[in-house]
Amino acid sequence: MTAPQNPLRCIVSTTGGINPDLPIFSAVGGPIHLLATASENPLRIPGVTVHHGSLTGFLATLANDHGVRNLHCEGGGQLIRSLADLDLIDEFHVTIAGHTLFGGSGAPTATGVAGDFLPATRSFRISHFEARPDLGECFASYLRIRD
């Protein structure tokens, strides 16, 4: 999670109960900010700035206090859904892992649980696709189509 200019590295967590042995805490990079959305007592890790509150408020803080205009986010369905609800996804990368089966009526989708639809359609076009039969996976990238 490093890049040119060592941008901020941000973690969003409901509880803030992050394992301090994760590589992000020992790797070279920009300052680390942790958002705990539902806990006033997240784990305190030296050198990590802790924020409490909503994702919307955290994004506003990043923009207003740190000049952040673009984010690269890695996460699961809850984070993707939250960003999609806010209509903040411009590019989407997905790994399709055929070697691991998911299914059933309650199986999660990229933006949450099936049947729990976004308030409006978000249109994307495929920009990259790579099949890796040796891994049993495919990698796809999509770019947002905005009117």
Foldseek 3Di string as FASTA:
>chain_A
DADPVQDEAEAEEQALADDCPDVVNVDDGHQYEYEHEHYPDHDDDPRYHYHYHDPVVVVVCCCPVVVDDDDDDDDAQDVQQVCVLVVNDFKDKDKDAPVDDFDDQQTADRNGGPPPDHPDDWDWDWDDWDDDVVRNMIMTMIGTDDD
